[in-house]
Amino acid sequence: MIESMSGELLKTSPEVEEKPDTTAEGATQVNKYSKVIKGAELDVYDVLKGFEVINPATQHAIKKLLMAGKRGIKDVKQDLSESIESIKRAIELETSKF
């Protein structure tokens, strides 16, 4: 059993699957950022919150790395290159804190 972000206990399973979303019009679409992992529905933003990633540029880089080439817009190489730029920006933001 694992606990979801809402505190609900969920059964664990080894499968990872995409979780479909329902739009306001009732059409079903797949949320590209949502996965069922060990029985818990999570998306990239749940992972960022769970690991307390607060730097927005770091968040952007992680999202690009987790979803590299999977969103249908950019290929893996472009997402990886953009994640490098986001990491550089994250370093700048961390440096400016002091």
PDB file of N, CA and C in Angstrom:
ATOM      1  N   MET A   1       0.837  -1.173   0.000  1.00  0.00           N
ATOM      2  CA  MET A   1       0.000   0.000   0.000  1.00  0.00           C
ATOM      3  C   MET A   1       0.891   1.249   0.000  1.00  0.00           C
ATOM      4  N   ILE A   2       0.439   2.255  -0.728  1.00  0.00           N
ATOM      5  CA  ILE A   2       1.092   3.556  -0.684  1.00  0.00           C
ATOM      6  C   ILE A   2       0.038   4.619  -0.461  1.00  0.00           C
ATOM      7  N   GLU A   3       0.499   5.772   0.028  1.00  0.00           N
ATOM      8  CA  GLU A   3      -0.433   6.855   0.309  1.00  0.00           C
ATOM      9  C   GLU A   3      -0.390   7.862  -0.829  1.00  0.00           C
ATOM     10  N   SER A   4      -1.551   8.257  -1.327  1.00  0.00           N
ATOM     11  CA  SER A   4      -1.637   9.259  -2.379  1.00  0.00           C
ATOM     12  C   SER A   4      -1.455  10.635  -1.768  1.00  0.00           C
ATOM     13  N   MET A   5      -1.366  11.659  -2.633  1.00  0.00           N
ATOM     14  CA  MET A   5      -1.205  13.021  -2.161  1.00  0.00           C
ATOM     15  C   MET A   5      -2.384  13.442  -1.281  1.00  0.00           C
ATOM     16  N   SER A   6      -3.554  12.856  -1.475  1.00  0.00           N
ATOM     17  CA  SER A   6      -4.731  13.208  -0.684  1.00  0.00           C
ATOM     18  C   SER A   6      -4.812  12.411   0.616  1.00  0.00           C
ATOM     19  N   GLY A   7      -3.852  11.512   0.863  1.00  0.00           N
ATOM     20  CA  GLY A   7      -3.841  10.718   2.078  1.00  0.00           C
ATOM     21  C   GLY A   7      -4.537   9.378   1.944  1.00  0.00           C
ATOM     22  N   GLU A   8      -5.099   9.099   0.767  1.00  0.00           N
ATOM     23  CA  GLU A   8      -5.814   7.851   0.532  1.00  0.00           C
ATOM     24  C   GLU A   8      -4.811   6.716   0.336  1.00  0.00           C
ATOM     25  N   LEU A   9      -5.053   5.567   1.002  1.00  0.00           N
ATOM     26  CA  LEU A   9      -4.194   4.410   0.825  1.00  0.00           C
ATOM     27  C   LEU A   9      -4.577   3.680  -0.451  1.00  0.00           C
ATOM     28  N   LEU A  10      -3.586   3.384  -1.264  1.00  0.00           N
ATOM     29  CA  LEU A  10      -3.822   2.727  -2.543  1.00  0.00           C
ATOM     30  C   LEU A  10      -3.021   1.442  -2.614  1.00  0.00           C
ATOM     31  N   LYS A  11      -3.578   0.426  -3.294  1.00  0.00           N
ATOM     32  CA  LYS A  11      -2.841  -0.806  -3.548  1.00  0.00           C
ATOM     33  C   LYS A  11      -1.688  -0.514  -4.494  1.00  0.00           C
ATOM     34  N   THR A  12      -0.609  -1.225  -4.315  1.00  0.00           N
ATOM     35  CA  THR A  12       0.513  -1.056  -5.220  1.00  0.00           C
ATOM     36  C   THR A  12       0.461  -2.102  -6.317  1.00  0.00           C
ATOM     37  N   SER A  13       0.964  -1.725  -7.475  1.00  0.00           N
ATOM     38  CA  SER A  13       1.084  -2.660  -8.585  1.00  0.00           C
ATOM     39  C   SER A  13       2.311  -2.265  -9.381  1.00  0.00           C
ATOM     40  N   PRO A  14       2.942  -3.202 -10.064  1.00  0.00           N
ATOM     41  CA  PRO A  14       4.177  -2.879 -10.780  1.00  0.00           C
ATOM     42  C   PRO A  14       3.951  -2.144 -12.099  1.00  0.00           C
ATOM     43  N   GLU A  15       2.711  -2.016 -12.544  1.00  0.00           N
ATOM     44  CA  GLU A  15       2.460  -1.424 -13.841  1.00  0.00           C
ATOM     45  C   GLU A  15       2.519   0.100 -13.794  1.00  0.00           C
ATOM     46  N   VAL A  16       2.901   0.679 -14.908  1.00  0.00           N
ATOM     47  CA  VAL A  16       2.830   2.120 -15.110  1.00  0.00           C
ATOM     48  C   VAL A  16       1.959   2.313 -16.338  1.00  0.00           C
ATOM     49  N   GLU A  17       0.910   3.108 -16.215  1.00  0.00           N
ATOM     50  CA  GLU A  17       0.004   3.314 -17.338  1.00  0.00           C
ATOM     51  C   GLU A  17      -0.417   4.773 -17.407  1.00  0.00           C
ATOM     52  N   GLU A  18      -0.802   5.207 -18.603  1.00  0.00           N
ATOM     53  CA  GLU A  18      -1.317   6.557 -18.761  1.00  0.00           C
ATOM     54  C   GLU A  18      -2.749   6.594 -18.261  1.00  0.00           C
ATOM     55  N   LYS A  19      -3.100   7.689 -17.625  1.00  0.00           N
ATOM     56  CA  LYS A  19      -4.441   7.862 -17.078  1.00  0.00           C
ATOM     57  C   LYS A  19      -5.201   8.844 -17.954  1.00  0.00           C
ATOM     58  N   PRO A  20      -6.346   8.450 -18.536  1.00  0.00           N
ATOM     59  CA  PRO A  20      -7.112   9.371 -19.369  1.00  0.00           C
ATOM     60  C   PRO A  20      -7.804  10.447 -18.539  1.00  0.00           C
ATOM     61  N   ASP A  21      -7.934  11.626 -19.108  1.00  0.00           N
ATOM     62  CA  ASP A  21      -8.654  12.751 -18.508  1.00  0.00           C
ATOM     63  C   ASP A  21      -9.959  12.940 -19.253  1.00  0.00           C
ATOM     64  N   THR A  22     -10.917  13.549 -18.608  1.00  0.00           N
ATOM     65  CA  THR A  22     -12.167  13.909 -19.264  1.00  0.00           C
ATOM     66  C   THR A  22     -12.236  15.424 -19.340  1.00  0.00           C
ATOM     67  N   THR A  23     -12.473  15.945 -20.537  1.00  0.00           N
ATOM     68  CA  THR A  23     -12.571  17.390 -20.734  1.00  0.00           C
ATOM     69  C   THR A  23     -13.933  17.884 -20.276  1.00  0.00           C
ATOM     70  N   ALA A  24     -14.100  19.203 -20.235  1.00  0.00           N
ATOM     71  CA  ALA A  24     -15.379  19.809 -19.838  1.00  0.00           C
ATOM     72  C   ALA A  24     -16.509  19.359 -20.762  1.00  0.00           C
ATOM     73  N   GLU A  25     -16.175  19.073 -22.015  1.00  0.00           N
ATOM     74  CA  GLU A  25     -17.177  18.640 -22.983  1.00  0.00           C
ATOM     75  C   GLU A  25     -17.472  17.147 -22.878  1.00  0.00           C
ATOM     76  N   GLY A  26     -16.789  16.443 -21.973  1.00  0.00           N
ATOM     77  CA  GLY A  26     -17.028  15.017 -21.787  1.00  0.00           C
ATOM     78  C   GLY A  26     -16.152  14.120 -22.634  1.00  0.00           C
ATOM     79  N   ALA A  27     -15.332  14.696 -23.504  1.00  0.00           N
ATOM     80  CA  ALA A  27     -14.435  13.889 -24.329  1.00  0.00           C
ATOM     81  C   ALA A  27     -13.280  13.380 -23.469  1.00  0.00           C
ATOM     82  N   THR A  28     -12.827  12.182 -23.745  1.00  0.00           N
ATOM     83  CA  THR A  28     -11.706  11.615 -23.009  1.00  0.00           C
ATOM     84  C   THR A  28     -10.419  11.886 -23.776  1.00  0.00           C
ATOM     85  N   GLN A  29      -9.422  12.355 -23.044  1.00  0.00           N
ATOM     86  CA  GLN A  29      -8.103  12.570 -23.631  1.00  0.00           C
ATOM     87  C   GLN A  29      -7.072  12.085 -22.627  1.00  0.00           C
ATOM     88  N   VAL A  30      -5.885  11.735 -23.109  1.00  0.00           N
ATOM     89  CA  VAL A  30      -4.836  11.258 -22.227  1.00  0.00           C
ATOM     90  C   VAL A  30      -4.042  12.458 -21.720  1.00  0.00           C
ATOM     91  N   ASN A  31      -3.913  12.563 -20.396  1.00  0.00           N
ATOM     92  CA  ASN A  31      -3.069  13.583 -19.789  1.00  0.00           C
ATOM     93  C   ASN A  31      -1.629  13.110 -19.957  1.00  0.00           C
ATOM     94  N   LYS A  32      -0.874  13.808 -20.759  1.00  0.00           N
ATOM     95  CA  LYS A  32       0.489  13.387 -21.066  1.00  0.00           C
ATOM     96  C   LYS A  32       1.399  13.443 -19.858  1.00  0.00           C
ATOM     97  N   TYR A  33       0.978  14.125 -18.813  1.00  0.00           N
ATOM     98  CA  TYR A  33       1.807  14.254 -17.615  1.00  0.00           C
ATOM     99  C   TYR A  33       1.345  13.361 -16.481  1.00  0.00           C
ATOM    100  N   SER A  34       0.306  12.565 -16.668  1.00  0.00           N
ATOM    101  CA  SER A  34      -0.245  11.726 -15.614  1.00  0.00           C
ATOM    102  C   SER A  34       0.027  10.259 -15.902  1.00  0.00           C
ATOM    103  N   LYS A  35       0.485   9.549 -14.873  1.00  0.00           N
ATOM    104  CA  LYS A  35       0.747   8.117 -14.974  1.00  0.00           C
ATOM    105  C   LYS A  35       0.229   7.444 -13.715  1.00  0.00           C
ATOM    106  N   VAL A  36      -0.178   6.198 -13.840  1.00  0.00           N
ATOM    107  CA  VAL A  36      -0.491   5.392 -12.676  1.00  0.00           C
ATOM    108  C   VAL A  36       0.764   4.586 -12.386  1.00  0.00           C
ATOM    109  N   ILE A  37       1.338   4.820 -11.214  1.00  0.00           N
ATOM    110  CA  ILE A  37       2.591   4.182 -10.815  1.00  0.00           C
ATOM    111  C   ILE A  37       2.341   3.448  -9.501  1.00  0.00           C
ATOM    112  N   LYS A  38       2.523   2.151  -9.525  1.00  0.00           N
ATOM    113  CA  LYS A  38       2.282   1.315  -8.353  1.00  0.00           C
ATOM    114  C   LYS A  38       0.906   1.589  -7.758  1.00  0.00           C
ATOM    115  N   GLY A  39      -0.073   1.769  -8.621  1.00  0.00           N
ATOM    116  CA  GLY A  39      -1.448   1.941  -8.191  1.00  0.00           C
ATOM    117  C   GLY A  39      -1.844   3.363  -7.826  1.00  0.00           C
ATOM    118  N   ALA A  40      -0.903   4.286  -7.815  1.00  0.00           N
ATOM    119  CA  ALA A  40      -1.213   5.679  -7.474  1.00  0.00           C
ATOM    120  C   ALA A  40      -1.180   6.531  -8.739  1.00  0.00           C
ATOM    121  N   GLU A  41      -2.201   7.356  -8.919  1.00  0.00           N
ATOM    122  CA  GLU A  41      -2.218   8.271 -10.059  1.00  0.00           C
ATOM    123  C   GLU A  41      -1.373   9.493  -9.703  1.00  0.00           C
ATOM    124  N   LEU A  42      -0.318   9.699 -10.457  1.00  0.00           N
ATOM    125  CA  LEU A  42       0.604  10.810 -10.232  1.00  0.00           C
ATOM    126  C   LEU A  42       0.872  11.509 -11.550  1.00  0.00           C
ATOM    127  N   ASP A  43       1.214  12.773 -11.475  1.00  0.00           N
ATOM    128  CA  ASP A  43       1.737  13.435 -12.658  1.00  0.00           C
ATOM    129  C   ASP A  43       3.054  14.099 -12.295  1.00  0.00           C
ATOM    130  N   VAL A  44       3.686  14.703 -13.278  1.00  0.00           N
ATOM    131  CA  VAL A  44       4.989  15.333 -13.075  1.00  0.00           C
ATOM    132  C   VAL A  44       4.926  16.318 -11.909  1.00  0.00           C
ATOM    133  N   TYR A  45       3.821  17.037 -11.803  1.00  0.00           N
ATOM    134  CA  TYR A  45       3.695  18.056 -10.766  1.00  0.00           C
ATOM    135  C   TYR A  45       3.587  17.441  -9.370  1.00  0.00           C
ATOM    136  N   ASP A  46       2.975  16.264  -9.247  1.00  0.00           N
ATOM    137  CA  ASP A  46       2.946  15.550  -7.968  1.00  0.00           C
ATOM    138  C   ASP A  46       4.364  15.160  -7.550  1.00  0.00           C
ATOM    139  N   VAL A  47       5.151  14.692  -8.514  1.00  0.00           N
ATOM    140  CA  VAL A  47       6.531  14.292  -8.234  1.00  0.00           C
ATOM    141  C   VAL A  47       7.343  15.501  -7.778  1.00  0.00           C
ATOM    142  N   LEU A  48       7.194  16.632  -8.476  1.00  0.00           N
ATOM    143  CA  LEU A  48       7.923  17.845  -8.102  1.00  0.00           C
ATOM    144  C   LEU A  48       7.548  18.287  -6.689  1.00  0.00           C
ATOM    145  N   LYS A  49       6.262  18.241  -6.379  1.00  0.00           N
ATOM    146  CA  LYS A  49       5.799  18.628  -5.050  1.00  0.00           C
ATOM    147  C   LYS A  49       6.322  17.639  -4.004  1.00  0.00           C
ATOM    148  N   GLY A  50       6.242  16.357  -4.304  1.00  0.00           N
ATOM    149  CA  GLY A  50       6.698  15.331  -3.372  1.00  0.00           C
ATOM    150  C   GLY A  50       8.171  15.449  -3.033  1.00  0.00           C
ATOM    151  N   PHE A  51       8.974  15.859  -4.002  1.00  0.00           N
ATOM    152  CA  PHE A  51      10.411  16.027  -3.785  1.00  0.00           C
ATOM    153  C   PHE A  51      10.776  17.464  -3.433  1.00  0.00           C
ATOM    154  N   GLU A  52       9.759  18.305  -3.219  1.00  0.00           N
ATOM    155  CA  GLU A  52       9.934  19.698  -2.804  1.00  0.00           C
ATOM    156  C   GLU A  52      10.866  20.482  -3.735  1.00  0.00           C
ATOM    157  N   VAL A  53      10.661  20.306  -5.032  1.00  0.00           N
ATOM    158  CA  VAL A  53      11.420  21.063  -6.025  1.00  0.00           C
ATOM    159  C   VAL A  53      10.717  22.407  -6.183  1.00  0.00           C
ATOM    160  N   ILE A  54      11.355  23.496  -5.729  1.00  0.00           N
ATOM    161  CA  ILE A  54      10.695  24.795  -5.738  1.00  0.00           C
ATOM    162  C   ILE A  54      11.250  25.759  -6.780  1.00  0.00           C
ATOM    163  N   ASN A  55      12.441  25.511  -7.276  1.00  0.00           N
ATOM    164  CA  ASN A  55      13.026  26.379  -8.299  1.00  0.00           C
ATOM    165  C   ASN A  55      12.289  26.125  -9.613  1.00  0.00           C
ATOM    166  N   PRO A  56      11.644  27.147 -10.185  1.00  0.00           N
ATOM    167  CA  PRO A  56      10.844  26.928 -11.397  1.00  0.00           C
ATOM    168  C   PRO A  56      11.662  26.436 -12.593  1.00  0.00           C
ATOM    169  N   ALA A  57      12.899  26.857 -12.694  1.00  0.00           N
ATOM    170  CA  ALA A  57      13.726  26.388 -13.813  1.00  0.00           C
ATOM    171  C   ALA A  57      14.109  24.921 -13.618  1.00  0.00           C
ATOM    172  N   THR A  58      14.342  24.512 -12.378  1.00  0.00           N
ATOM    173  CA  THR A  58      14.610  23.101 -12.093  1.00  0.00           C
ATOM    174  C   THR A  58      13.376  22.267 -12.391  1.00  0.00           C
ATOM    175  N   GLN A  59      12.202  22.777 -12.004  1.00  0.00           N
ATOM    176  CA  GLN A  59      10.954  22.085 -12.307  1.00  0.00           C
ATOM    177  C   GLN A  59      10.804  21.875 -13.810  1.00  0.00           C
ATOM    178  N   HIS A  60      11.098  22.914 -14.574  1.00  0.00           N
ATOM    179  CA  HIS A  60      10.969  22.841 -16.032  1.00  0.00           C
ATOM    180  C   HIS A  60      11.931  21.802 -16.615  1.00  0.00           C
ATOM    181  N   ALA A  61      13.163  21.798 -16.110  1.00  0.00           N
ATOM    182  CA  ALA A  61      14.161  20.838 -16.598  1.00  0.00           C
ATOM    183  C   ALA A  61      13.728  19.404 -16.297  1.00  0.00           C
ATOM    184  N   ILE A  62      13.241  19.163 -15.088  1.00  0.00           N
ATOM    185  CA  ILE A  62      12.808  17.810 -14.711  1.00  0.00           C
ATOM    186  C   ILE A  62      11.643  17.355 -15.583  1.00  0.00           C
ATOM    187  N   LYS A  63      10.686  18.256 -15.807  1.00  0.00           N
ATOM    188  CA  LYS A  63       9.541  17.906 -16.654  1.00  0.00           C
ATOM    189  C   LYS A  63      10.026  17.524 -18.058  1.00  0.00           C
ATOM    190  N   LYS A  64      10.962  18.300 -18.606  1.00  0.00           N
ATOM    191  CA  LYS A  64      11.485  18.001 -19.938  1.00  0.00           C
ATOM    192  C   LYS A  64      12.224  16.667 -19.945  1.00  0.00           C
ATOM    193  N   LEU A  65      12.983  16.379 -18.891  1.00  0.00           N
ATOM    194  CA  LEU A  65      13.722  15.120 -18.828  1.00  0.00           C
ATOM    195  C   LEU A  65      12.786  13.922 -18.690  1.00  0.00           C
ATOM    196  N   LEU A  66      11.764  14.041 -17.853  1.00  0.00           N
ATOM    197  CA  LEU A  66      10.829  12.935 -17.666  1.00  0.00           C
ATOM    198  C   LEU A  66      10.002  12.658 -18.917  1.00  0.00           C
ATOM    199  N   MET A  67       9.722  13.705 -19.683  1.00  0.00           N
ATOM    200  CA  MET A  67       8.828  13.575 -20.834  1.00  0.00           C
ATOM    201  C   MET A  67       9.549  13.766 -22.174  1.00  0.00           C
ATOM    202  N   ALA A  68      10.864  13.649 -22.176  1.00  0.00           N
ATOM    203  CA  ALA A  68      11.651  13.913 -23.384  1.00  0.00           C
ATOM    204  C   ALA A  68      11.136  13.117 -24.584  1.00  0.00           C
ATOM    205  N   GLY A  69      10.700  13.856 -25.606  1.00  0.00           N
ATOM    206  CA  GLY A  69      10.231  13.256 -26.844  1.00  0.00           C
ATOM    207  C   GLY A  69       8.874  12.580 -26.773  1.00  0.00           C
ATOM    208  N   LYS A  70       8.182  12.685 -25.642  1.00  0.00           N
ATOM    209  CA  LYS A  70       6.922  11.959 -25.455  1.00  0.00           C
ATOM    210  C   LYS A  70       5.681  12.821 -25.596  1.00  0.00           C
ATOM    211  N   ARG A  71       5.845  14.120 -25.809  1.00  0.00           N
ATOM    212  CA  ARG A  71       4.676  14.991 -25.868  1.00  0.00           C
ATOM    213  C   ARG A  71       4.215  15.229 -27.294  1.00  0.00           C
ATOM    214  N   GLY A  72       4.926  14.687 -28.255  1.00  0.00           N
ATOM    215  CA  GLY A  72       4.507  14.793 -29.647  1.00  0.00           C
ATOM    216  C   GLY A  72       4.861  16.101 -30.317  1.00  0.00           C
ATOM    217  N   ILE A  73       5.502  17.007 -29.603  1.00  0.00           N
ATOM    218  CA  ILE A  73       5.832  18.316 -30.158  1.00  0.00           C
ATOM    219  C   ILE A  73       7.301  18.371 -30.568  1.00  0.00           C
ATOM    220  N   LYS A  74       8.163  17.963 -29.657  1.00  0.00           N
ATOM    221  CA  LYS A  74       9.608  18.040 -29.882  1.00  0.00           C
ATOM    222  C   LYS A  74      10.206  16.650 -29.763  1.00  0.00           C
ATOM    223  N   ASP A  75      11.354  16.475 -30.424  1.00  0.00           N
ATOM    224  CA  ASP A  75      12.012  15.177 -30.315  1.00  0.00           C
ATOM    225  C   ASP A  75      12.871  15.143 -29.046  1.00  0.00           C
ATOM    226  N   VAL A  76      13.404  13.957 -28.732  1.00  0.00           N
ATOM    227  CA  VAL A  76      14.178  13.749 -27.515  1.00  0.00           C
ATOM    228  C   VAL A  76      15.364  14.709 -27.467  1.00  0.00           C
ATOM    229  N   LYS A  77      16.090  14.835 -28.568  1.00  0.00           N
ATOM    230  CA  LYS A  77      17.283  15.686 -28.584  1.00  0.00           C
ATOM    231  C   LYS A  77      16.945  17.135 -28.245  1.00  0.00           C
ATOM    232  N   GLN A  78      15.860  17.651 -28.793  1.00  0.00           N
ATOM    233  CA  GLN A  78      15.481  19.043 -28.520  1.00  0.00           C
ATOM    234  C   GLN A  78      15.056  19.209 -27.059  1.00  0.00           C
ATOM    235  N   ASP A  79      14.280  18.266 -26.529  1.00  0.00           N
ATOM    236  CA  ASP A  79      13.887  18.352 -25.119  1.00  0.00           C
ATOM    237  C   ASP A  79      15.105  18.267 -24.198  1.00  0.00           C
ATOM    238  N   LEU A  80      16.060  17.403 -24.522  1.00  0.00           N
ATOM    239  CA  LEU A  80      17.273  17.306 -23.706  1.00  0.00           C
ATOM    240  C   LEU A  80      18.083  18.598 -23.765  1.00  0.00           C
ATOM    241  N   SER A  81      18.215  19.180 -24.955  1.00  0.00           N
ATOM    242  CA  SER A  81      18.932  20.450 -25.096  1.00  0.00           C
ATOM    243  C   SER A  81      18.252  21.555 -24.294  1.00  0.00           C
ATOM    244  N   GLU A  82      16.928  21.597 -24.352  1.00  0.00           N
ATOM    245  CA  GLU A  82      16.193  22.620 -23.608  1.00  0.00           C
ATOM    246  C   GLU A  82      16.285  22.385 -22.103  1.00  0.00           C
ATOM    247  N   SER A  83      16.391  21.126 -21.694  1.00  0.00           N
ATOM    248  CA  SER A  83      16.547  20.866 -20.257  1.00  0.00           C
ATOM    249  C   SER A  83      17.900  21.360 -19.761  1.00  0.00           C
ATOM    250  N   ILE A  84      18.922  21.260 -20.591  1.00  0.00           N
ATOM    251  CA  ILE A  84      20.240  21.805 -20.225  1.00  0.00           C
ATOM    252  C   ILE A  84      20.143  23.308 -20.010  1.00  0.00           C
ATOM    253  N   GLU A  85      19.455  23.998 -20.903  1.00  0.00           N
ATOM    254  CA  GLU A  85      19.275  25.444 -20.751  1.00  0.00           C
ATOM    255  C   GLU A  85      18.503  25.769 -19.472  1.00  0.00           C
ATOM    256  N   SER A  86      17.510  24.966 -19.154  1.00  0.00           N
ATOM    257  CA  SER A  86      16.752  25.179 -17.927  1.00  0.00           C
ATOM    258  C   SER A  86      17.617  24.956 -16.693  1.00  0.00           C
ATOM    259  N   ILE A  87      18.490  23.967 -16.738  1.00  0.00           N
ATOM    260  CA  ILE A  87      19.401  23.714 -15.611  1.00  0.00           C
ATOM    261  C   ILE A  87      20.363  24.885 -15.441  1.00  0.00           C
ATOM    262  N   LYS A  88      20.864  25.423 -16.544  1.00  0.00           N
ATOM    263  CA  LYS A  88      21.742  26.605 -16.460  1.00  0.00           C
ATOM    264  C   LYS A  88      21.004  27.767 -15.810  1.00  0.00           C
ATOM    265  N   ARG A  89      19.742  27.967 -16.176  1.00  0.00           N
ATOM    266  CA  ARG A  89      18.937  29.037 -15.592  1.00  0.00           C
ATOM    267  C   ARG A  89      18.667  28.755 -14.118  1.00  0.00           C
ATOM    268  N   ALA A  90      18.455  27.507 -13.768  1.00  0.00           N
ATOM    269  CA  ALA A  90      18.235  27.135 -12.364  1.00  0.00           C
ATOM    270  C   ALA A  90      19.456  27.488 -11.523  1.00  0.00           C
ATOM    271  N   ILE A  91      20.633  27.247 -12.068  1.00  0.00           N
ATOM    272  CA  ILE A  91      21.880  27.594 -11.364  1.00  0.00           C
ATOM    273  C   ILE A  91      21.960  29.104 -11.163  1.00  0.00           C
ATOM    274  N   GLU A  92      21.606  29.871 -12.187  1.00  0.00           N
ATOM    275  CA  GLU A  92      21.592  31.330 -12.061  1.00  0.00           C
ATOM    276  C   GLU A  92      20.637  31.770 -10.949  1.00  0.00           C
ATOM    277  N   LEU A  93      19.444  31.181 -10.914  1.00  0.00           N
ATOM    278  CA  LEU A  93      18.467  31.545  -9.894  1.00  0.00           C
ATOM    279  C   LEU A  93      18.945  31.178  -8.487  1.00  0.00           C
ATOM    280  N   GLU A  94      19.581  30.023  -8.364  1.00  0.00           N
ATOM    281  CA  GLU A  94      20.099  29.606  -7.054  1.00  0.00           C
ATOM    282  C   GLU A  94      21.241  30.536  -6.615  1.00  0.00           C
ATOM    283  N   THR A  95      22.068  30.945  -7.563  1.00  0.00           N
ATOM    284  CA  THR A  95      23.193  31.839  -7.261  1.00  0.00           C
ATOM    285  C   THR A  95      22.704  33.211  -6.813  1.00  0.00           C
ATOM    286  N   SER A  96      21.619  33.680  -7.393  1.00  0.00           N
ATOM    287  CA  SER A  96      21.111  35.027  -7.079  1.00  0.00           C
ATOM    288  C   SER A  96      20.386  35.076  -5.738  1.00  0.00           C
ATOM    289  N   LYS A  97      20.156  33.938  -5.104  1.00  0.00           N
ATOM    290  CA  LYS A  97      19.476  33.921  -3.809  1.00  0.00           C
ATOM    291  C   LYS A  97      20.336  34.550  -2.715  1.00  0.00           C
ATOM    292  N   PHE A  98      21.662  34.547  -2.920  1.00  0.00           N
ATOM    293  CA  PHE A  98      22.563  34.999  -1.864  1.00  0.00           C
ATOM    294  C   PHE A  98      23.050  36.399  -2.077  1.00  0.00           C
TER     295      PHE A  98
END
